[in-house]
Amino acid sequence: MAQLHVSLPPELQRYVDGRVSAEGFVDPAAYLRDLVERDQGLYQADVRRLQALIDEGIASGIIDREPEDVLRDIVTEIADPHG
């Protein structure tokens, strides 16, 4: 396994230590691995969602809306995916 050495300012180190303790992680490295894995999952979900939107757009053919309106709708949906 590769190693990564990270320097944190004291306030972030205290935060990490608190999260490790509160969430029951073995050590800060386990906490950071969990953060990276969750971020990776979110990123992959975003990529899949964007690809689905692209595929939907390609499959929908020509529309009579202005491109700016379509982009505005997409940006709004990305900013608030739940509503």
PDB file of N, CA and C in Angstrom:
ATOM      1  N   MET A   1       0.847  -1.164   0.000  1.00  0.00           N
ATOM      2  CA  MET A   1       0.000   0.000   0.000  1.00  0.00           C
ATOM      3  C   MET A   1       0.902   1.239   0.000  1.00  0.00           C
ATOM      4  N   ALA A   2       0.553   2.205  -0.837  1.00  0.00           N
ATOM      5  CA  ALA A   2       1.310   3.452  -0.902  1.00  0.00           C
ATOM      6  C   ALA A   2       1.059   4.278   0.348  1.00  0.00           C
ATOM      7  N   GLN A   3       2.039   5.088   0.692  1.00  0.00           N
ATOM      8  CA  GLN A   3       1.892   5.964   1.852  1.00  0.00           C
ATOM      9  C   GLN A   3       1.789   7.401   1.385  1.00  0.00           C
ATOM     10  N   LEU A   4       1.005   8.163   2.114  1.00  0.00           N
ATOM     11  CA  LEU A   4       0.822   9.582   1.853  1.00  0.00           C
ATOM     12  C   LEU A   4       1.014  10.310   3.173  1.00  0.00           C
ATOM     13  N   HIS A   5       1.908  11.252   3.179  1.00  0.00           N
ATOM     14  CA  HIS A   5       2.155  12.026   4.393  1.00  0.00           C
ATOM     15  C   HIS A   5       1.520  13.394   4.215  1.00  0.00           C
ATOM     16  N   VAL A   6       0.689  13.767   5.164  1.00  0.00           N
ATOM     17  CA  VAL A   6      -0.056  15.020   5.079  1.00  0.00           C
ATOM     18  C   VAL A   6       0.241  15.862   6.311  1.00  0.00           C
ATOM     19  N   SER A   7       0.570  17.120   6.081  1.00  0.00           N
ATOM     20  CA  SER A   7       0.747  18.058   7.187  1.00  0.00           C
ATOM     21  C   SER A   7      -0.538  18.864   7.329  1.00  0.00           C
ATOM     22  N   LEU A   8      -1.008  18.978   8.562  1.00  0.00           N
ATOM     23  CA  LEU A   8      -2.231  19.726   8.829  1.00  0.00           C
ATOM     24  C   LEU A   8      -1.948  20.820   9.840  1.00  0.00           C
ATOM     25  N   PRO A   9      -2.603  21.966   9.677  1.00  0.00           N
ATOM     26  CA  PRO A   9      -2.497  22.967  10.738  1.00  0.00           C
ATOM     27  C   PRO A   9      -3.175  22.423  12.002  1.00  0.00           C
ATOM     28  N   PRO A  10      -2.803  22.957  13.152  1.00  0.00           N
ATOM     29  CA  PRO A  10      -3.324  22.408  14.419  1.00  0.00           C
ATOM     30  C   PRO A  10      -4.842  22.307  14.483  1.00  0.00           C
ATOM     31  N   GLU A  11      -5.568  23.309  13.965  1.00  0.00           N
ATOM     32  CA  GLU A  11      -7.040  23.261  14.068  1.00  0.00           C
ATOM     33  C   GLU A  11      -7.621  22.116  13.245  1.00  0.00           C
ATOM     34  N   LEU A  12      -7.035  21.823  12.079  1.00  0.00           N
ATOM     35  CA  LEU A  12      -7.515  20.677  11.295  1.00  0.00           C
ATOM     36  C   LEU A  12      -7.126  19.362  11.955  1.00  0.00           C
ATOM     37  N   GLN A  13      -5.961  19.306  12.550  1.00  0.00           N
ATOM     38  CA  GLN A  13      -5.545  18.092  13.254  1.00  0.00           C
ATOM     39  C   GLN A  13      -6.490  17.797  14.410  1.00  0.00           C
ATOM     40  N   ARG A  14      -6.880  18.844  15.140  1.00  0.00           N
ATOM     41  CA  ARG A  14      -7.846  18.637  16.235  1.00  0.00           C
ATOM     42  C   ARG A  14      -9.182  18.144  15.688  1.00  0.00           C
ATOM     43  N   TYR A  15      -9.604  18.713  14.565  1.00  0.00           N
ATOM     44  CA  TYR A  15     -10.859  18.279  13.954  1.00  0.00           C
ATOM     45  C   TYR A  15     -10.783  16.805  13.561  1.00  0.00           C
ATOM     46  N   VAL A  16      -9.700  16.423  12.873  1.00  0.00           N
ATOM     47  CA  VAL A  16      -9.527  15.031  12.457  1.00  0.00           C
ATOM     48  C   VAL A  16      -9.517  14.117  13.679  1.00  0.00           C
ATOM     49  N   ASP A  17      -8.766  14.487  14.685  1.00  0.00           N
ATOM     50  CA  ASP A  17      -8.719  13.661  15.899  1.00  0.00           C
ATOM     51  C   ASP A  17     -10.109  13.500  16.516  1.00  0.00           C
ATOM     52  N   GLY A  18     -10.869  14.583  16.520  1.00  0.00           N
ATOM     53  CA  GLY A  18     -12.227  14.505  17.055  1.00  0.00           C
ATOM     54  C   GLY A  18     -13.120  13.591  16.242  1.00  0.00           C
ATOM     55  N   ARG A  19     -13.028  13.667  14.913  1.00  0.00           N
ATOM     56  CA  ARG A  19     -13.828  12.804  14.040  1.00  0.00           C
ATOM     57  C   ARG A  19     -13.423  11.347  14.196  1.00  0.00           C
ATOM     58  N   VAL A  20     -12.135  11.092  14.308  1.00  0.00           N
ATOM     59  CA  VAL A  20     -11.640   9.723  14.505  1.00  0.00           C
ATOM     60  C   VAL A  20     -12.255   9.145  15.768  1.00  0.00           C
ATOM     61  N   SER A  21     -12.216   9.918  16.821  1.00  0.00           N
ATOM     62  CA  SER A  21     -12.764   9.461  18.105  1.00  0.00           C
ATOM     63  C   SER A  21     -14.281   9.294  18.035  1.00  0.00           C
ATOM     64  N   ALA A  22     -14.964  10.292  17.497  1.00  0.00           N
ATOM     65  CA  ALA A  22     -16.425  10.270  17.469  1.00  0.00           C
ATOM     66  C   ALA A  22     -16.988   9.172  16.583  1.00  0.00           C
ATOM     67  N   GLU A  23     -16.304   8.881  15.489  1.00  0.00           N
ATOM     68  CA  GLU A  23     -16.820   7.897  14.539  1.00  0.00           C
ATOM     69  C   GLU A  23     -16.232   6.503  14.734  1.00  0.00           C
ATOM     70  N   GLY A  24     -15.308   6.367  15.661  1.00  0.00           N
ATOM     71  CA  GLY A  24     -14.758   5.053  15.978  1.00  0.00           C
ATOM     72  C   GLY A  24     -13.732   4.535  14.981  1.00  0.00           C
ATOM     73  N   PHE A  25     -13.066   5.426  14.277  1.00  0.00           N
ATOM     74  CA  PHE A  25     -12.009   4.976  13.378  1.00  0.00           C
ATOM     75  C   PHE A  25     -10.810   4.532  14.194  1.00  0.00           C
ATOM     76  N   VAL A  26     -10.039   3.609  13.638  1.00  0.00           N
ATOM     77  CA  VAL A  26      -8.860   3.086  14.317  1.00  0.00           C
ATOM     78  C   VAL A  26      -7.806   4.177  14.486  1.00  0.00           C
ATOM     79  N   ASP A  27      -7.645   4.977  13.443  1.00  0.00           N
ATOM     80  CA  ASP A  27      -6.638   6.037  13.452  1.00  0.00           C
ATOM     81  C   ASP A  27      -6.986   7.057  12.367  1.00  0.00           C
ATOM     82  N   PRO A  28      -6.265   8.171  12.314  1.00  0.00           N
ATOM     83  CA  PRO A  28      -6.558   9.186  11.304  1.00  0.00           C
ATOM     84  C   PRO A  28      -6.450   8.659   9.870  1.00  0.00           C
ATOM     85  N   ALA A  29      -5.559   7.728   9.621  1.00  0.00           N
ATOM     86  CA  ALA A  29      -5.420   7.176   8.271  1.00  0.00           C
ATOM     87  C   ALA A  29      -6.705   6.479   7.834  1.00  0.00           C
ATOM     88  N   ALA A  30      -7.348   5.764   8.742  1.00  0.00           N
ATOM     89  CA  ALA A  30      -8.607   5.087   8.405  1.00  0.00           C
ATOM     90  C   ALA A  30      -9.695   6.112   8.093  1.00  0.00           C
ATOM     91  N   TYR A  31      -9.714   7.194   8.852  1.00  0.00           N
ATOM     92  CA  TYR A  31     -10.676   8.270   8.608  1.00  0.00           C
ATOM     93  C   TYR A  31     -10.443   8.888   7.227  1.00  0.00           C
ATOM     94  N   LEU A  32      -9.209   9.193   6.909  1.00  0.00           N
ATOM     95  CA  LEU A  32      -8.897   9.796   5.614  1.00  0.00           C
ATOM     96  C   LEU A  32      -9.202   8.837   4.456  1.00  0.00           C
ATOM     97  N   ARG A  33      -8.910   7.546   4.627  1.00  0.00           N
ATOM     98  CA  ARG A  33      -9.266   6.567   3.589  1.00  0.00           C
ATOM     99  C   ARG A  33     -10.769   6.557   3.357  1.00  0.00           C
ATOM    100  N   ASP A  34     -11.531   6.607   4.455  1.00  0.00           N
ATOM    101  CA  ASP A  34     -12.992   6.631   4.335  1.00  0.00           C
ATOM    102  C   ASP A  34     -13.453   7.878   3.578  1.00  0.00           C
ATOM    103  N   LEU A  35     -12.875   9.041   3.898  1.00  0.00           N
ATOM    104  CA  LEU A  35     -13.228  10.265   3.199  1.00  0.00           C
ATOM    105  C   LEU A  35     -12.941  10.167   1.705  1.00  0.00           C
ATOM    106  N   VAL A  36     -11.773   9.650   1.364  1.00  0.00           N
ATOM    107  CA  VAL A  36     -11.395   9.533  -0.045  1.00  0.00           C
ATOM    108  C   VAL A  36     -12.301   8.545  -0.763  1.00  0.00           C
ATOM    109  N   GLU A  37     -12.610   7.421  -0.123  1.00  0.00           N
ATOM    110  CA  GLU A  37     -13.498   6.433  -0.746  1.00  0.00           C
ATOM    111  C   GLU A  37     -14.895   7.002  -0.973  1.00  0.00           C
ATOM    112  N   ARG A  38     -15.402   7.754   0.010  1.00  0.00           N
ATOM    113  CA  ARG A  38     -16.718   8.371  -0.175  1.00  0.00           C
ATOM    114  C   ARG A  38     -16.684   9.418  -1.282  1.00  0.00           C
ATOM    115  N   ASP A  39     -15.623  10.207  -1.332  1.00  0.00           N
ATOM    116  CA  ASP A  39     -15.474  11.200  -2.390  1.00  0.00           C
ATOM    117  C   ASP A  39     -15.399  10.518  -3.750  1.00  0.00           C
ATOM    118  N   GLN A  40     -14.677   9.432  -3.826  1.00  0.00           N
ATOM    119  CA  GLN A  40     -14.564   8.681  -5.078  1.00  0.00           C
ATOM    120  C   GLN A  40     -15.939   8.186  -5.522  1.00  0.00           C
ATOM    121  N   GLY A  41     -16.724   7.672  -4.595  1.00  0.00           N
ATOM    122  CA  GLY A  41     -18.066   7.209  -4.925  1.00  0.00           C
ATOM    123  C   GLY A  41     -18.951   8.336  -5.425  1.00  0.00           C
ATOM    124  N   LEU A  42     -18.877   9.493  -4.775  1.00  0.00           N
ATOM    125  CA  LEU A  42     -19.662  10.647  -5.215  1.00  0.00           C
ATOM    126  C   LEU A  42     -19.231  11.110  -6.599  1.00  0.00           C
ATOM    127  N   TYR A  43     -17.928  11.130  -6.830  1.00  0.00           N
ATOM    128  CA  TYR A  43     -17.413  11.538  -8.141  1.00  0.00           C
ATOM    129  C   TYR A  43     -17.900  10.583  -9.229  1.00  0.00           C
ATOM    130  N   GLN A  44     -17.804   9.288  -8.964  1.00  0.00           N
ATOM    131  CA  GLN A  44     -18.247   8.301  -9.956  1.00  0.00           C
ATOM    132  C   GLN A  44     -19.744   8.426 -10.213  1.00  0.00           C
ATOM    133  N   ALA A  45     -20.524   8.691  -9.174  1.00  0.00           N
ATOM    134  CA  ALA A  45     -21.968   8.891  -9.351  1.00  0.00           C
ATOM    135  C   ALA A  45     -22.237  10.128 -10.202  1.00  0.00           C
ATOM    136  N   ASP A  46     -21.464  11.192  -9.982  1.00  0.00           N
ATOM    137  CA  ASP A  46     -21.615  12.400 -10.793  1.00  0.00           C
ATOM    138  C   ASP A  46     -21.305  12.117 -12.257  1.00  0.00           C
ATOM    139  N   VAL A  47     -20.249  11.360 -12.509  1.00  0.00           N
ATOM    140  CA  VAL A  47     -19.877  11.025 -13.882  1.00  0.00           C
ATOM    141  C   VAL A  47     -20.977  10.194 -14.543  1.00  0.00           C
ATOM    142  N   ARG A  48     -21.507   9.206 -13.821  1.00  0.00           N
ATOM    143  CA  ARG A  48     -22.595   8.388 -14.373  1.00  0.00           C
ATOM    144  C   ARG A  48     -23.825   9.233 -14.667  1.00  0.00           C
ATOM    145  N   ARG A  49     -24.142  10.157 -13.753  1.00  0.00           N
ATOM    146  CA  ARG A  49     -25.305  11.023 -13.924  1.00  0.00           C
ATOM    147  C   ARG A  49     -25.123  11.941 -15.133  1.00  0.00           C
ATOM    148  N   LEU A  50     -23.951  12.507 -15.270  1.00  0.00           N
ATOM    149  CA  LEU A  50     -23.672  13.372 -16.407  1.00  0.00           C
ATOM    150  C   LEU A  50     -23.730  12.591 -17.711  1.00  0.00           C
ATOM    151  N   GLN A  51     -23.181  11.377 -17.711  1.00  0.00           N
ATOM    152  CA  GLN A  51     -23.229  10.554 -18.917  1.00  0.00           C
ATOM    153  C   GLN A  51     -24.675  10.207 -19.272  1.00  0.00           C
ATOM    154  N   ALA A  52     -25.493   9.942 -18.259  1.00  0.00           N
ATOM    155  CA  ALA A  52     -26.904   9.645 -18.516  1.00  0.00           C
ATOM    156  C   ALA A  52     -27.604  10.861 -19.125  1.00  0.00           C
ATOM    157  N   LEU A  53     -27.285  12.050 -18.631  1.00  0.00           N
ATOM    158  CA  LEU A  53     -27.870  13.264 -19.201  1.00  0.00           C
ATOM    159  C   LEU A  53     -27.428  13.467 -20.644  1.00  0.00           C
ATOM    160  N   ILE A  54     -26.155  13.208 -20.914  1.00  0.00           N
ATOM    161  CA  ILE A  54     -25.650  13.323 -22.284  1.00  0.00           C
ATOM    162  C   ILE A  54     -26.357  12.321 -23.183  1.00  0.00           C
ATOM    163  N   ASP A  55     -26.444  11.076 -22.714  1.00  0.00           N
ATOM    164  CA  ASP A  55     -27.122  10.043 -23.508  1.00  0.00           C
ATOM    165  C   ASP A  55     -28.581  10.405 -23.754  1.00  0.00           C
ATOM    166  N   GLU A  56     -29.234  10.921 -22.722  1.00  0.00           N
ATOM    167  CA  GLU A  56     -30.632  11.336 -22.864  1.00  0.00           C
ATOM    168  C   GLU A  56     -30.754  12.452 -23.898  1.00  0.00           C
ATOM    169  N   GLY A  57     -29.835  13.391 -23.846  1.00  0.00           N
ATOM    170  CA  GLY A  57     -29.855  14.484 -24.808  1.00  0.00           C
ATOM    171  C   GLY A  57     -29.643  14.005 -26.233  1.00  0.00           C
ATOM    172  N   ILE A  58     -28.714  13.114 -26.421  1.00  0.00           N
ATOM    173  CA  ILE A  58     -28.450  12.579 -27.752  1.00  0.00           C
ATOM    174  C   ILE A  58     -29.666  11.820 -28.272  1.00  0.00           C
ATOM    175  N   ALA A  59     -30.284  11.034 -27.395  1.00  0.00           N
ATOM    176  CA  ALA A  59     -31.435  10.229 -27.801  1.00  0.00           C
ATOM    177  C   ALA A  59     -32.679  11.073 -28.056  1.00  0.00           C
ATOM    178  N   SER A  60     -32.733  12.267 -27.486  1.00  0.00           N
ATOM    179  CA  SER A  60     -33.950  13.062 -27.599  1.00  0.00           C
ATOM    180  C   SER A  60     -34.097  13.768 -28.941  1.00  0.00           C
ATOM    181  N   GLY A  61     -33.019  13.839 -29.696  1.00  0.00           N
ATOM    182  CA  GLY A  61     -33.113  14.500 -30.997  1.00  0.00           C
ATOM    183  C   GLY A  61     -33.107  16.007 -30.875  1.00  0.00           C
ATOM    184  N   ILE A  62     -33.664  16.670 -31.855  1.00  0.00           N
ATOM    185  CA  ILE A  62     -33.662  18.123 -31.915  1.00  0.00           C
ATOM    186  C   ILE A  62     -34.800  18.677 -31.074  1.00  0.00           C
ATOM    187  N   ILE A  63     -34.520  19.739 -30.329  1.00  0.00           N
ATOM    188  CA  ILE A  63     -35.552  20.385 -29.517  1.00  0.00           C
ATOM    189  C   ILE A  63     -35.700  21.836 -29.959  1.00  0.00           C
ATOM    190  N   ASP A  64     -36.789  22.428 -29.567  1.00  0.00           N
ATOM    191  CA  ASP A  64     -37.038  23.814 -29.973  1.00  0.00           C
ATOM    192  C   ASP A  64     -36.649  24.820 -28.892  1.00  0.00           C
ATOM    193  N   ARG A  65     -35.947  24.385 -27.864  1.00  0.00           N
ATOM    194  CA  ARG A  65     -35.511  25.280 -26.800  1.00  0.00           C
ATOM    195  C   ARG A  65     -34.151  25.881 -27.135  1.00  0.00           C
ATOM    196  N   GLU A  66     -33.895  27.021 -26.556  1.00  0.00           N
ATOM    197  CA  GLU A  66     -32.599  27.668 -26.723  1.00  0.00           C
ATOM    198  C   GLU A  66     -31.548  26.930 -25.894  1.00  0.00           C
ATOM    199  N   PRO A  67     -30.332  26.784 -26.408  1.00  0.00           N
ATOM    200  CA  PRO A  67     -29.277  26.092 -25.657  1.00  0.00           C
ATOM    201  C   PRO A  67     -29.043  26.691 -24.269  1.00  0.00           C
ATOM    202  N   GLU A  68     -29.143  28.012 -24.159  1.00  0.00           N
ATOM    203  CA  GLU A  68     -28.936  28.664 -22.859  1.00  0.00           C
ATOM    204  C   GLU A  68     -29.974  28.202 -21.835  1.00  0.00           C
ATOM    205  N   ASP A  69     -31.213  27.996 -22.286  1.00  0.00           N
ATOM    206  CA  ASP A  69     -32.262  27.521 -21.384  1.00  0.00           C
ATOM    207  C   ASP A  69     -31.983  26.096 -20.923  1.00  0.00           C
ATOM    208  N   VAL A  70     -31.526  25.273 -21.832  1.00  0.00           N
ATOM    209  CA  VAL A  70     -31.195  23.882 -21.497  1.00  0.00           C
ATOM    210  C   VAL A  70     -30.054  23.857 -20.493  1.00  0.00           C
ATOM    211  N   LEU A  71     -29.009  24.640 -20.742  1.00  0.00           N
ATOM    212  CA  LEU A  71     -27.872  24.688 -19.824  1.00  0.00           C
ATOM    213  C   LEU A  71     -28.282  25.222 -18.458  1.00  0.00           C
ATOM    214  N   ARG A  72     -29.143  26.223 -18.436  1.00  0.00           N
ATOM    215  CA  ARG A  72     -29.623  26.769 -17.169  1.00  0.00           C
ATOM    216  C   ARG A  72     -30.351  25.684 -16.373  1.00  0.00           C
ATOM    217  N   ASP A  73     -31.170  24.895 -17.034  1.00  0.00           N
ATOM    218  CA  ASP A  73     -31.876  23.801 -16.351  1.00  0.00           C
ATOM    219  C   ASP A  73     -30.904  22.769 -15.798  1.00  0.00           C
ATOM    220  N   ILE A  74     -29.880  22.442 -16.578  1.00  0.00           N
ATOM    221  CA  ILE A  74     -28.889  21.449 -16.136  1.00  0.00           C
ATOM    222  C   ILE A  74     -28.144  21.983 -14.929  1.00  0.00           C
ATOM    223  N   VAL A  75     -27.700  23.233 -14.972  1.00  0.00           N
ATOM    224  CA  VAL A  75     -26.979  23.818 -13.837  1.00  0.00           C
ATOM    225  C   VAL A  75     -27.860  23.843 -12.606  1.00  0.00           C
ATOM    226  N   THR A  76     -29.125  24.188 -12.763  1.00  0.00           N
ATOM    227  CA  THR A  76     -30.054  24.194 -11.627  1.00  0.00           C
ATOM    228  C   THR A  76     -30.199  22.797 -11.042  1.00  0.00           C
ATOM    229  N   GLU A  77     -30.326  21.801 -11.890  1.00  0.00           N
ATOM    230  CA  GLU A  77     -30.464  20.417 -11.410  1.00  0.00           C
ATOM    231  C   GLU A  77     -29.206  19.952 -10.697  1.00  0.00           C
ATOM    232  N   ILE A  78     -28.050  20.306 -11.206  1.00  0.00           N
ATOM    233  CA  ILE A  78     -26.797  19.906 -10.567  1.00  0.00           C
ATOM    234  C   ILE A  78     -26.666  20.580  -9.218  1.00  0.00           C
ATOM    235  N   ALA A  79     -27.064  21.848  -9.123  1.00  0.00           N
ATOM    236  CA  ALA A  79     -26.952  22.588  -7.864  1.00  0.00           C
ATOM    237  C   ALA A  79     -27.896  22.040  -6.806  1.00  0.00           C
ATOM    238  N   ASP A  80     -29.049  21.519  -7.221  1.00  0.00           N
ATOM    239  CA  ASP A  80     -30.034  20.998  -6.270  1.00  0.00           C
ATOM    240  C   ASP A  80     -30.594  19.687  -6.812  1.00  0.00           C
ATOM    241  N   PRO A  81     -29.822  18.586  -6.715  1.00  0.00           N
ATOM    242  CA  PRO A  81     -30.243  17.322  -7.317  1.00  0.00           C
ATOM    243  C   PRO A  81     -31.493  16.708  -6.680  1.00  0.00           C
ATOM    244  N   HIS A  82     -31.913  17.220  -5.524  1.00  0.00           N
ATOM    245  CA  HIS A  82     -33.063  16.615  -4.846  1.00  0.00           C
ATOM    246  C   HIS A  82     -34.347  17.423  -5.024  1.00  0.00           C
ATOM    247  N   GLY A  83     -34.269  18.509  -5.750  1.00  0.00           N
ATOM    248  CA  GLY A  83     -35.502  19.241  -5.768  1.00  0.00           C
ATOM    249  C   GLY A  83     -35.637  20.194  -6.879  1.00  0.00           C
TER     250      GLY A  83
END
